[in-house]
Amino acid sequence: MKLTLGFSPCPNDTFIFDALIHHKIDTGGLEFEVQYQDVETLNQKAFQGELDITKLSYHAFAYAVNDYELLDSGSALGSGVGPLLIAKDPALAARLKKVLEKKEQLNTAESGLKIGIPGKYTTANFLLGLAFPNLGSKVELVFSDIEESLLGETIDLGLIIHENRFTYQAKGLHKVVDLGDFWEQTTNNPIPLGGIVVKRSLDEELKLKINRLVRESVQFAFENPKSGLDYIRSHAQEMEEDVMYKHIELYVNKYSEDLGGKGRTAIQHMFDKAQELKLIPALDKRLFLTV
């Protein structure tokens, strides 16, 4: 039986799925037709129900939950890897930091500030909404263009991810808040970034089998970390080996093998808070494949 499977070409995903798609574990007769896409494209495919199994951001999962449910394995939950909200104006950065610390309301002018975000359905935007639910004027930009847009003053605030976390200060930009730290300090939970979901319409026994196989693939990767090196490198866009494995260490951890109680609590809390603030639709489907 062949199933469609979507994940990103990033080292963390290829590390996780190497054993599964290359039959380094016994897949029990299952074959996987892989689509390599960036997560925002995978989010859109999930909205259309195109894939049997797919990676998506947790924000997007809120809009795909009628068609998909979350596997116990394959997720990216992290610590110290959250997005940053930054500004060019140090006074503005200081003011918004004070608003957040004192849990004050933004005034009308502040609510209208223009923010560059790396995608509507990114977890970064999700976390921004939790911290500043009244910041509403958002402009979607390629994540690597956000700093330059701030410097050119076409936006007032920027929501940055990936390597831009390490470059903004050298450009004279100022941090308002590390939204990952904000999440971790206010909830005492890891940051839910992305998960692996399976179509609800598939046979229940098949879904449980897929769940088990993804876990076994992660376990194989942990036990044989260099087994998929050539495969990981072939999709890693010229990354050096040490950089690839640092990337993997950031996003693949015990929660990737099994969410466990702590991982489930983090995800459920994020969804409950987002519904409370009306950042996502009300959900009437269970999130998790297994109870």
C-alpha atoms as a PDB file:
ATOM      1  CA  MET A   1       0.000   0.000   0.000  1.00  0.00           C
ATOM      2  CA  LYS A   2       1.360   3.445  -0.940  1.00  0.00           C
ATOM      3  CA  LEU A   3       0.706   6.580   1.118  1.00  0.00           C
ATOM      4  CA  THR A   4       1.567  10.200   0.325  1.00  0.00           C
ATOM      5  CA  LEU A   5       3.896  11.821   2.850  1.00  0.00           C
ATOM      6  CA  GLY A   6       4.927  15.463   2.975  1.00  0.00           C
ATOM      7  CA  PHE A   7       7.795  16.970   4.948  1.00  0.00           C
ATOM      8  CA  SER A   8      10.425  19.656   4.511  1.00  0.00           C
ATOM      9  CA  PRO A   9      13.923  19.110   3.100  1.00  0.00           C
ATOM     10  CA  CYS A  10      15.386  20.537   6.333  1.00  0.00           C
ATOM     11  CA  PRO A  11      17.848  18.303   8.224  1.00  0.00           C
ATOM     12  CA  ASN A  12      15.496  17.765  11.171  1.00  0.00           C
ATOM     13  CA  ASP A  13      12.792  16.241   8.935  1.00  0.00           C
ATOM     14  CA  THR A  14      15.083  14.180   6.711  1.00  0.00           C
ATOM     15  CA  PHE A  15      16.799  12.879   9.865  1.00  0.00           C
ATOM     16  CA  ILE A  16      13.428  11.752  11.269  1.00  0.00           C
ATOM     17  CA  PHE A  17      12.074  10.105   8.121  1.00  0.00           C
ATOM     18  CA  ASP A  18      15.216   8.548   6.619  1.00  0.00           C
ATOM     19  CA  ALA A  19      14.688   5.104   8.161  1.00  0.00           C
ATOM     20  CA  LEU A  20      10.983   5.071   7.283  1.00  0.00           C
ATOM     21  CA  ILE A  21      11.227   5.923   3.601  1.00  0.00           C
ATOM     22  CA  HIS A  22      14.414   3.927   2.969  1.00  0.00           C
ATOM     23  CA  HIS A  23      13.116   0.780   4.692  1.00  0.00           C
ATOM     24  CA  LYS A  24      15.786   0.725   7.373  1.00  0.00           C
ATOM     25  CA  ILE A  25      12.910  -0.366   9.571  1.00  0.00           C
ATOM     26  CA  ASP A  26      10.214  -2.893   8.670  1.00  0.00           C
ATOM     27  CA  THR A  27       7.315  -0.854   7.302  1.00  0.00           C
ATOM     28  CA  GLY A  28       4.980  -3.833   7.149  1.00  0.00           C
ATOM     29  CA  GLY A  29       4.334  -3.487   3.419  1.00  0.00           C
ATOM     30  CA  LEU A  30       3.745   0.271   3.434  1.00  0.00           C
ATOM     31  CA  GLU A  31       5.404   2.443   0.781  1.00  0.00           C
ATOM     32  CA  PHE A  32       5.663   6.223   0.962  1.00  0.00           C
ATOM     33  CA  GLU A  33       5.485   8.693  -1.899  1.00  0.00           C
ATOM     34  CA  VAL A  34       7.383  11.696  -0.528  1.00  0.00           C
ATOM     35  CA  GLN A  35       6.775  15.349  -1.348  1.00  0.00           C
ATOM     36  CA  TYR A  36       9.499  17.732  -0.174  1.00  0.00           C
ATOM     37  CA  GLN A  37       8.083  21.208   0.432  1.00  0.00           C
ATOM     38  CA  ASP A  38       8.613  24.171   2.747  1.00  0.00           C
ATOM     39  CA  VAL A  39       6.268  24.128   5.725  1.00  0.00           C
ATOM     40  CA  GLU A  40       4.063  26.973   4.485  1.00  0.00           C
ATOM     41  CA  THR A  41       3.405  24.994   1.262  1.00  0.00           C
ATOM     42  CA  LEU A  42       2.676  21.895   3.332  1.00  0.00           C
ATOM     43  CA  ASN A  43       0.259  23.957   5.431  1.00  0.00           C
ATOM     44  CA  GLN A  44      -1.651  24.896   2.279  1.00  0.00           C
ATOM     45  CA  LYS A  45      -1.695  21.274   1.094  1.00  0.00           C
ATOM     46  CA  ALA A  46      -3.125  20.258   4.469  1.00  0.00           C
ATOM     47  CA  PHE A  47      -5.917  22.825   4.104  1.00  0.00           C
ATOM     48  CA  GLN A  48      -6.839  21.057   0.854  1.00  0.00           C
ATOM     49  CA  GLY A  49      -6.482  17.569   2.381  1.00  0.00           C
ATOM     50  CA  GLU A  50      -4.000  16.602  -0.342  1.00  0.00           C
ATOM     51  CA  LEU A  51      -1.634  14.333   1.626  1.00  0.00           C
ATOM     52  CA  ASP A  52      -2.202  11.214   3.732  1.00  0.00           C
ATOM     53  CA  ILE A  53       0.517  12.180   6.214  1.00  0.00           C
ATOM     54  CA  THR A  54       2.175  15.581   6.476  1.00  0.00           C
ATOM     55  CA  LYS A  55       4.295  17.947   8.492  1.00  0.00           C
ATOM     56  CA  LEU A  56       2.596  21.244   9.303  1.00  0.00           C
ATOM     57  CA  SER A  57       2.936  24.117  11.730  1.00  0.00           C
ATOM     58  CA  TYR A  58       0.802  23.965  14.849  1.00  0.00           C
ATOM     59  CA  HIS A  59      -0.913  27.203  13.854  1.00  0.00           C
ATOM     60  CA  ALA A  60      -1.979  25.625  10.564  1.00  0.00           C
ATOM     61  CA  PHE A  61      -3.177  22.508  12.385  1.00  0.00           C
ATOM     62  CA  ALA A  62      -5.930  24.617  13.935  1.00  0.00           C
ATOM     63  CA  TYR A  63      -7.327  25.112  10.411  1.00  0.00           C
ATOM     64  CA  ALA A  64      -6.816  21.501   9.286  1.00  0.00           C
ATOM     65  CA  VAL A  65      -8.043  19.681  12.376  1.00  0.00           C
ATOM     66  CA  ASN A  66     -11.284  18.544  10.733  1.00  0.00           C
ATOM     67  CA  ASP A  67      -9.292  16.422   8.288  1.00  0.00           C
ATOM     68  CA  TYR A  68      -6.197  15.453  10.283  1.00  0.00           C
ATOM     69  CA  GLU A  69      -5.143  14.276  13.724  1.00  0.00           C
ATOM     70  CA  LEU A  70      -1.760  14.482  15.392  1.00  0.00           C
ATOM     71  CA  LEU A  71       0.689  11.614  15.692  1.00  0.00           C
ATOM     72  CA  ASP A  72       2.529  11.026  18.960  1.00  0.00           C
ATOM     73  CA  SER A  73       5.843  11.040  17.086  1.00  0.00           C
ATOM     74  CA  GLY A  74       7.670  13.320  14.655  1.00  0.00           C
ATOM     75  CA  SER A  75       6.843  16.654  16.305  1.00  0.00           C
ATOM     76  CA  ALA A  76       9.209  19.576  16.801  1.00  0.00           C
ATOM     77  CA  LEU A  77       8.840  21.057  20.267  1.00  0.00           C
ATOM     78  CA  GLY A  78      11.763  23.156  21.358  1.00  0.00           C
ATOM     79  CA  SER A  79      13.320  25.364  23.985  1.00  0.00           C
ATOM     80  CA  GLY A  80      15.226  28.550  23.237  1.00  0.00           C
ATOM     81  CA  VAL A  81      14.298  28.461  19.553  1.00  0.00           C
ATOM     82  CA  GLY A  82      11.402  30.862  19.472  1.00  0.00           C
ATOM     83  CA  PRO A  83      10.830  33.856  17.180  1.00  0.00           C
ATOM     84  CA  LEU A  84      11.815  37.408  18.121  1.00  0.00           C
ATOM     85  CA  LEU A  85       9.750  40.580  17.794  1.00  0.00           C
ATOM     86  CA  ILE A  86      12.082  43.467  16.913  1.00  0.00           C
ATOM     87  CA  ALA A  87      11.920  47.189  16.112  1.00  0.00           C
ATOM     88  CA  LYS A  88      14.157  49.861  14.603  1.00  0.00           C
ATOM     89  CA  ASP A  89      13.033  52.487  17.120  1.00  0.00           C
ATOM     90  CA  PRO A  90      14.521  51.713  20.571  1.00  0.00           C
ATOM     91  CA  ALA A  91      11.840  53.795  22.299  1.00  0.00           C
ATOM     92  CA  LEU A  92       9.110  51.743  20.635  1.00  0.00           C
ATOM     93  CA  ALA A  93      10.865  48.515  21.620  1.00  0.00           C
ATOM     94  CA  ALA A  94      11.095  49.682  25.235  1.00  0.00           C
ATOM     95  CA  ARG A  95       7.432  50.776  25.295  1.00  0.00           C
ATOM     96  CA  LEU A  96       6.109  47.449  23.968  1.00  0.00           C
ATOM     97  CA  LYS A  97       8.368  45.517  26.346  1.00  0.00           C
ATOM     98  CA  LYS A  98       6.823  47.486  29.219  1.00  0.00           C
ATOM     99  CA  VAL A  99       3.301  46.779  27.933  1.00  0.00           C
ATOM    100  CA  LEU A 100       4.013  43.064  27.930  1.00  0.00           C
ATOM    101  CA  GLU A 101       5.716  42.996  31.327  1.00  0.00           C
ATOM    102  CA  LYS A 102       2.929  44.983  33.003  1.00  0.00           C
ATOM    103  CA  LYS A 103       0.160  43.216  31.034  1.00  0.00           C
ATOM    104  CA  GLU A 104      -1.187  46.565  29.880  1.00  0.00           C
ATOM    105  CA  GLN A 105      -3.415  47.185  26.883  1.00  0.00           C
ATOM    106  CA  LEU A 106      -2.011  48.717  23.712  1.00  0.00           C
ATOM    107  CA  ASN A 107      -3.360  52.131  22.833  1.00  0.00           C
ATOM    108  CA  THR A 108      -5.108  52.705  19.504  1.00  0.00           C
ATOM    109  CA  ALA A 109      -1.998  53.956  17.697  1.00  0.00           C
ATOM    110  CA  GLU A 110       0.059  50.997  18.934  1.00  0.00           C
ATOM    111  CA  SER A 111      -2.609  48.523  17.850  1.00  0.00           C
ATOM    112  CA  GLY A 112      -2.235  49.885  14.312  1.00  0.00           C
ATOM    113  CA  LEU A 113       1.521  49.362  14.082  1.00  0.00           C
ATOM    114  CA  LYS A 114       2.545  47.567  10.889  1.00  0.00           C
ATOM    115  CA  ILE A 115       4.277  44.235  11.533  1.00  0.00           C
ATOM    116  CA  GLY A 116       6.216  42.125   9.055  1.00  0.00           C
ATOM    117  CA  ILE A 117       5.538  38.425   9.679  1.00  0.00           C
ATOM    118  CA  PRO A 118       7.025  35.319   7.996  1.00  0.00           C
ATOM    119  CA  GLY A 119       3.606  33.802   7.206  1.00  0.00           C
ATOM    120  CA  LYS A 120       0.048  33.887   8.512  1.00  0.00           C
ATOM    121  CA  TYR A 121       0.012  30.243   9.568  1.00  0.00           C
ATOM    122  CA  THR A 122       3.492  30.086  11.098  1.00  0.00           C
ATOM    123  CA  THR A 123       3.902  29.234  14.758  1.00  0.00           C
ATOM    124  CA  ALA A 124       5.779  32.554  15.008  1.00  0.00           C
ATOM    125  CA  ASN A 125       2.594  34.434  14.147  1.00  0.00           C
ATOM    126  CA  PHE A 126       0.652  32.190  16.521  1.00  0.00           C
ATOM    127  CA  LEU A 127       2.964  33.118  19.420  1.00  0.00           C
ATOM    128  CA  LEU A 128       2.810  36.797  18.467  1.00  0.00           C
ATOM    129  CA  GLY A 129      -0.970  36.653  18.714  1.00  0.00           C
ATOM    130  CA  LEU A 130      -0.779  35.107  22.175  1.00  0.00           C
ATOM    131  CA  ALA A 131       1.562  37.821  23.453  1.00  0.00           C
ATOM    132  CA  PHE A 132      -0.017  40.795  21.629  1.00  0.00           C
ATOM    133  CA  PRO A 133      -3.552  39.837  20.555  1.00  0.00           C
ATOM    134  CA  ASN A 134      -4.379  43.456  19.602  1.00  0.00           C
ATOM    135  CA  LEU A 135      -1.534  43.922  17.119  1.00  0.00           C
ATOM    136  CA  GLY A 136      -3.518  43.570  13.927  1.00  0.00           C
ATOM    137  CA  SER A 137      -1.798  45.242  10.974  1.00  0.00           C
ATOM    138  CA  LYS A 138       0.301  42.366   9.626  1.00  0.00           C
ATOM    139  CA  VAL A 139       2.189  42.124   6.339  1.00  0.00           C
ATOM    140  CA  GLU A 140       3.406  38.726   5.114  1.00  0.00           C
ATOM    141  CA  LEU A 141       7.034  38.848   3.965  1.00  0.00           C
ATOM    142  CA  VAL A 142       9.751  36.360   3.102  1.00  0.00           C
ATOM    143  CA  PHE A 143      11.437  35.813   6.486  1.00  0.00           C
ATOM    144  CA  SER A 144      14.834  36.930   5.153  1.00  0.00           C
ATOM    145  CA  ASP A 145      13.401  40.308   3.989  1.00  0.00           C
ATOM    146  CA  ILE A 146      11.983  41.405   7.327  1.00  0.00           C
ATOM    147  CA  GLU A 147      15.125  43.085   8.698  1.00  0.00           C
ATOM    148  CA  GLU A 148      15.623  45.165   5.546  1.00  0.00           C
ATOM    149  CA  SER A 149      11.966  46.227   5.585  1.00  0.00           C
ATOM    150  CA  LEU A 150      12.427  47.455   9.147  1.00  0.00           C
ATOM    151  CA  LEU A 151      15.570  49.349   8.220  1.00  0.00           C
ATOM    152  CA  GLY A 152      13.711  50.891   5.264  1.00  0.00           C
ATOM    153  CA  GLU A 153      10.843  51.815   7.615  1.00  0.00           C
ATOM    154  CA  THR A 154       8.152  50.192   5.470  1.00  0.00           C
ATOM    155  CA  ILE A 155       7.121  48.316   8.635  1.00  0.00           C
ATOM    156  CA  ASP A 156       7.219  49.288  12.322  1.00  0.00           C
ATOM    157  CA  LEU A 157       7.929  45.877  13.814  1.00  0.00           C
ATOM    158  CA  GLY A 158       9.406  42.641  12.526  1.00  0.00           C
ATOM    159  CA  LEU A 159       8.820  39.038  13.542  1.00  0.00           C
ATOM    160  CA  ILE A 160      12.053  37.173  12.818  1.00  0.00           C
ATOM    161  CA  ILE A 161      12.957  33.477  12.794  1.00  0.00           C
ATOM    162  CA  HIS A 162      15.827  31.181  11.803  1.00  0.00           C
ATOM    163  CA  GLU A 163      19.278  32.745  11.349  1.00  0.00           C
ATOM    164  CA  ASN A 164      17.903  36.301  11.604  1.00  0.00           C
ATOM    165  CA  ARG A 165      17.747  35.750  15.359  1.00  0.00           C
ATOM    166  CA  PHE A 166      21.525  36.147  15.284  1.00  0.00           C
ATOM    167  CA  THR A 167      21.927  39.064  12.852  1.00  0.00           C
ATOM    168  CA  TYR A 168      19.460  41.784  13.842  1.00  0.00           C
ATOM    169  CA  GLN A 169      21.612  43.442  16.546  1.00  0.00           C
ATOM    170  CA  ALA A 170      24.538  44.013  14.178  1.00  0.00           C
ATOM    171  CA  LYS A 171      22.122  45.968  11.962  1.00  0.00           C
ATOM    172  CA  GLY A 172      21.139  48.312  14.786  1.00  0.00           C
ATOM    173  CA  LEU A 173      17.733  46.735  15.432  1.00  0.00           C
ATOM    174  CA  HIS A 174      16.267  46.227  18.891  1.00  0.00           C
ATOM    175  CA  LYS A 175      14.511  43.300  20.551  1.00  0.00           C
ATOM    176  CA  VAL A 176      11.042  43.818  21.936  1.00  0.00           C
ATOM    177  CA  VAL A 177      10.601  40.253  23.179  1.00  0.00           C
ATOM    178  CA  ASP A 178      11.793  36.723  22.562  1.00  0.00           C
ATOM    179  CA  LEU A 179       8.398  35.092  22.057  1.00  0.00           C
ATOM    180  CA  GLY A 180       9.860  31.664  22.762  1.00  0.00           C
ATOM    181  CA  ASP A 181      11.088  32.839  26.173  1.00  0.00           C
ATOM    182  CA  PHE A 182       7.735  34.539  26.771  1.00  0.00           C
ATOM    183  CA  TRP A 183       5.915  31.279  26.039  1.00  0.00           C
ATOM    184  CA  GLU A 184       8.235  29.149  28.154  1.00  0.00           C
ATOM    185  CA  GLN A 185       8.222  31.515  31.135  1.00  0.00           C
ATOM    186  CA  THR A 186       4.445  32.037  31.173  1.00  0.00           C
ATOM    187  CA  THR A 187       3.496  28.384  30.585  1.00  0.00           C
ATOM    188  CA  ASN A 188       6.522  26.353  31.753  1.00  0.00           C
ATOM    189  CA  ASN A 189       6.095  24.345  28.560  1.00  0.00           C
ATOM    190  CA  PRO A 190       8.260  23.729  25.488  1.00  0.00           C
ATOM    191  CA  ILE A 191       7.358  25.635  22.305  1.00  0.00           C
ATOM    192  CA  PRO A 192       5.136  23.642  19.899  1.00  0.00           C
ATOM    193  CA  LEU A 193       6.576  24.400  16.454  1.00  0.00           C
ATOM    194  CA  GLY A 194       5.511  21.713  13.987  1.00  0.00           C
ATOM    195  CA  GLY A 195       3.836  18.319  14.073  1.00  0.00           C
ATOM    196  CA  ILE A 196       3.120  15.274  11.924  1.00  0.00           C
ATOM    197  CA  VAL A 197      -0.542  14.640  11.189  1.00  0.00           C
ATOM    198  CA  VAL A 198      -2.448  11.805   9.544  1.00  0.00           C
ATOM    199  CA  LYS A 199      -5.770  11.886   7.711  1.00  0.00           C
ATOM    200  CA  ARG A 200      -8.729  11.133   9.940  1.00  0.00           C
ATOM    201  CA  SER A 201     -10.431   9.245   7.107  1.00  0.00           C
ATOM    202  CA  LEU A 202      -7.808   6.478   7.051  1.00  0.00           C
ATOM    203  CA  ASP A 203      -8.519   3.149   8.733  1.00  0.00           C
ATOM    204  CA  GLU A 204      -7.894   3.340  12.481  1.00  0.00           C
ATOM    205  CA  GLU A 205      -5.546   0.366  12.506  1.00  0.00           C
ATOM    206  CA  LEU A 206      -3.550   1.891   9.642  1.00  0.00           C
ATOM    207  CA  LYS A 207      -3.231   5.218  11.460  1.00  0.00           C
ATOM    208  CA  LEU A 208      -1.907   3.486  14.565  1.00  0.00           C
ATOM    209  CA  LYS A 209       0.565   1.558  12.408  1.00  0.00           C
ATOM    210  CA  ILE A 210       1.813   4.815  10.859  1.00  0.00           C
ATOM    211  CA  ASN A 211       2.150   6.295  14.339  1.00  0.00           C
ATOM    212  CA  ARG A 212       4.293   3.341  15.438  1.00  0.00           C
ATOM    213  CA  LEU A 213       6.447   3.442  12.305  1.00  0.00           C
ATOM    214  CA  VAL A 214       7.258   7.147  12.658  1.00  0.00           C
ATOM    215  CA  ARG A 215       8.321   6.494  16.260  1.00  0.00           C
ATOM    216  CA  GLU A 216      10.519   3.597  15.136  1.00  0.00           C
ATOM    217  CA  SER A 217      12.055   5.793  12.444  1.00  0.00           C
ATOM    218  CA  VAL A 218      12.952   8.449  15.035  1.00  0.00           C
ATOM    219  CA  GLN A 219      14.368   5.793  17.359  1.00  0.00           C
ATOM    220  CA  PHE A 220      16.482   4.348  14.539  1.00  0.00           C
ATOM    221  CA  ALA A 221      17.818   7.851  13.775  1.00  0.00           C
ATOM    222  CA  PHE A 222      18.775   8.434  17.412  1.00  0.00           C
ATOM    223  CA  GLU A 223      20.533   5.054  17.580  1.00  0.00           C
ATOM    224  CA  ASN A 224      22.256   5.505  14.180  1.00  0.00           C
ATOM    225  CA  PRO A 225      22.684   9.288  13.780  1.00  0.00           C
ATOM    226  CA  LYS A 226      25.044   9.093  10.799  1.00  0.00           C
ATOM    227  CA  SER A 227      23.071   6.434   8.919  1.00  0.00           C
ATOM    228  CA  GLY A 228      21.177   9.014   6.858  1.00  0.00           C
ATOM    229  CA  LEU A 229      24.056  11.459   6.409  1.00  0.00           C
ATOM    230  CA  ASP A 230      24.186  11.301   2.594  1.00  0.00           C
ATOM    231  CA  TYR A 231      20.418  11.617   2.335  1.00  0.00           C
ATOM    232  CA  ILE A 232      20.276  14.518   4.807  1.00  0.00           C
ATOM    233  CA  ARG A 233      23.149  16.291   3.067  1.00  0.00           C
ATOM    234  CA  SER A 234      21.532  15.893  -0.361  1.00  0.00           C
ATOM    235  CA  HIS A 235      18.615  18.090   0.787  1.00  0.00           C
ATOM    236  CA  ALA A 236      20.453  20.452   3.128  1.00  0.00           C
ATOM    237  CA  GLN A 237      21.403  23.242   0.690  1.00  0.00           C
ATOM    238  CA  GLU A 238      25.170  23.122   1.092  1.00  0.00           C
ATOM    239  CA  MET A 239      25.157  23.017   4.900  1.00  0.00           C
ATOM    240  CA  GLU A 240      28.356  21.823   6.573  1.00  0.00           C
ATOM    241  CA  GLU A 241      27.952  18.555   8.475  1.00  0.00           C
ATOM    242  CA  ASP A 242      28.381  20.146  11.904  1.00  0.00           C
ATOM    243  CA  VAL A 243      25.780  22.811  11.046  1.00  0.00           C
ATOM    244  CA  MET A 244      23.314  20.140   9.885  1.00  0.00           C
ATOM    245  CA  TYR A 245      23.612  18.250  13.142  1.00  0.00           C
ATOM    246  CA  LYS A 246      23.337  21.414  15.249  1.00  0.00           C
ATOM    247  CA  HIS A 247      20.113  22.125  13.347  1.00  0.00           C
ATOM    248  CA  ILE A 248      18.905  18.595  14.101  1.00  0.00           C
ATOM    249  CA  GLU A 249      19.751  18.953  17.800  1.00  0.00           C
ATOM    250  CA  LEU A 250      17.653  22.125  18.004  1.00  0.00           C
ATOM    251  CA  TYR A 251      14.476  20.514  16.718  1.00  0.00           C
ATOM    252  CA  VAL A 252      14.697  16.739  17.214  1.00  0.00           C
ATOM    253  CA  ASN A 253      14.492  15.627  20.830  1.00  0.00           C
ATOM    254  CA  LYS A 254      12.510  13.423  23.211  1.00  0.00           C
ATOM    255  CA  TYR A 255       9.247  15.040  22.074  1.00  0.00           C
ATOM    256  CA  SER A 256       9.999  13.916  18.495  1.00  0.00           C
ATOM    257  CA  GLU A 257      10.034  10.311  19.677  1.00  0.00           C
ATOM    258  CA  ASP A 258       6.918  10.665  21.800  1.00  0.00           C
ATOM    259  CA  LEU A 259       5.045  13.780  22.865  1.00  0.00           C
ATOM    260  CA  GLY A 260       4.393  12.365  26.320  1.00  0.00           C
ATOM    261  CA  GLY A 261       2.324  14.207  28.884  1.00  0.00           C
ATOM    262  CA  LYS A 262       4.460  17.363  28.822  1.00  0.00           C
ATOM    263  CA  GLY A 263       4.320  17.688  25.040  1.00  0.00           C
ATOM    264  CA  ARG A 264       0.576  17.112  24.912  1.00  0.00           C
ATOM    265  CA  THR A 265       0.042  19.652  27.682  1.00  0.00           C
ATOM    266  CA  ALA A 266       2.052  22.271  25.773  1.00  0.00           C
ATOM    267  CA  ILE A 267       0.048  21.729  22.580  1.00  0.00           C
ATOM    268  CA  GLN A 268      -3.328  21.649  24.326  1.00  0.00           C
ATOM    269  CA  HIS A 269      -2.497  24.805  26.292  1.00  0.00           C
ATOM    270  CA  MET A 270      -1.512  26.634  23.107  1.00  0.00           C
ATOM    271  CA  PHE A 271      -4.775  25.679  21.403  1.00  0.00           C
ATOM    272  CA  ASP A 272      -6.915  26.476  24.462  1.00  0.00           C
ATOM    273  CA  LYS A 273      -5.341  29.914  24.885  1.00  0.00           C
ATOM    274  CA  ALA A 274      -5.618  30.691  21.159  1.00  0.00           C
ATOM    275  CA  GLN A 275      -9.325  29.774  21.179  1.00  0.00           C
ATOM    276  CA  GLU A 276      -9.879  31.872  24.287  1.00  0.00           C
ATOM    277  CA  LEU A 277      -8.351  34.877  22.505  1.00  0.00           C
ATOM    278  CA  LYS A 278     -10.275  34.032  19.307  1.00  0.00           C
ATOM    279  CA  LEU A 279      -7.034  33.702  17.327  1.00  0.00           C
ATOM    280  CA  ILE A 280      -8.197  30.406  15.815  1.00  0.00           C
ATOM    281  CA  PRO A 281     -11.617  28.860  15.118  1.00  0.00           C
ATOM    282  CA  ALA A 282     -13.421  26.922  17.834  1.00  0.00           C
ATOM    283  CA  LEU A 283     -12.405  23.264  17.616  1.00  0.00           C
ATOM    284  CA  ASP A 284     -14.780  20.348  18.044  1.00  0.00           C
ATOM    285  CA  LYS A 285     -12.411  17.530  17.032  1.00  0.00           C
ATOM    286  CA  ARG A 286      -9.845  15.804  19.187  1.00  0.00           C
ATOM    287  CA  LEU A 287      -6.278  16.877  18.418  1.00  0.00           C
ATOM    288  CA  PHE A 288      -4.433  13.654  19.157  1.00  0.00           C
ATOM    289  CA  LEU A 289      -4.630  10.300  17.391  1.00  0.00           C
ATOM    290  CA  THR A 290      -4.166   8.338  20.600  1.00  0.00           C
ATOM    291  CA  VAL A 291      -5.980   9.053  23.853  1.00  0.00           C
END
